[in-house]
């Protein structure tokens, strides 16, 4: 046990490192070509702002200027309609919309920011699956 909370990257987390160690796949969480888009009920067409490709979404996520790698997540149809936005948004690869909970988000974030862990991820935009692997740094 660390002597000070500052020594423990998980001191602010509800979950301990064991909750995120190993490999976990989150299914159907990424933007894909099958992401739902709104349809104009009068014309039957998808509005121009909601038309996008996976390549465009990946490029957008990669363009975000941050030290944390970003992924493209689907935007809700409601958001697309209300804000006239694209059908995707970018977020950190451990975002709670991808990992399923704020607790898991915080734990992956803590592991990613810590030198005590190595964190890798694979974003498979064909399937919509995100795979995150966390290992203790001294084990890799």
Foldseek 3Di string as FASTA:
>chain_A
DDPDLVVQLCSVFPDHLVVAAFKDKQFQFAAAPPQDEDADPVPRHGDPQADDHLVRQLVVQCPDPDPARKGWGADDNVCCVVVVHYRIDIDGLLDCSRVVDPNSSSSVVSQVPDPQKDKDWDQDRHRNMIMIHIDGNVVD
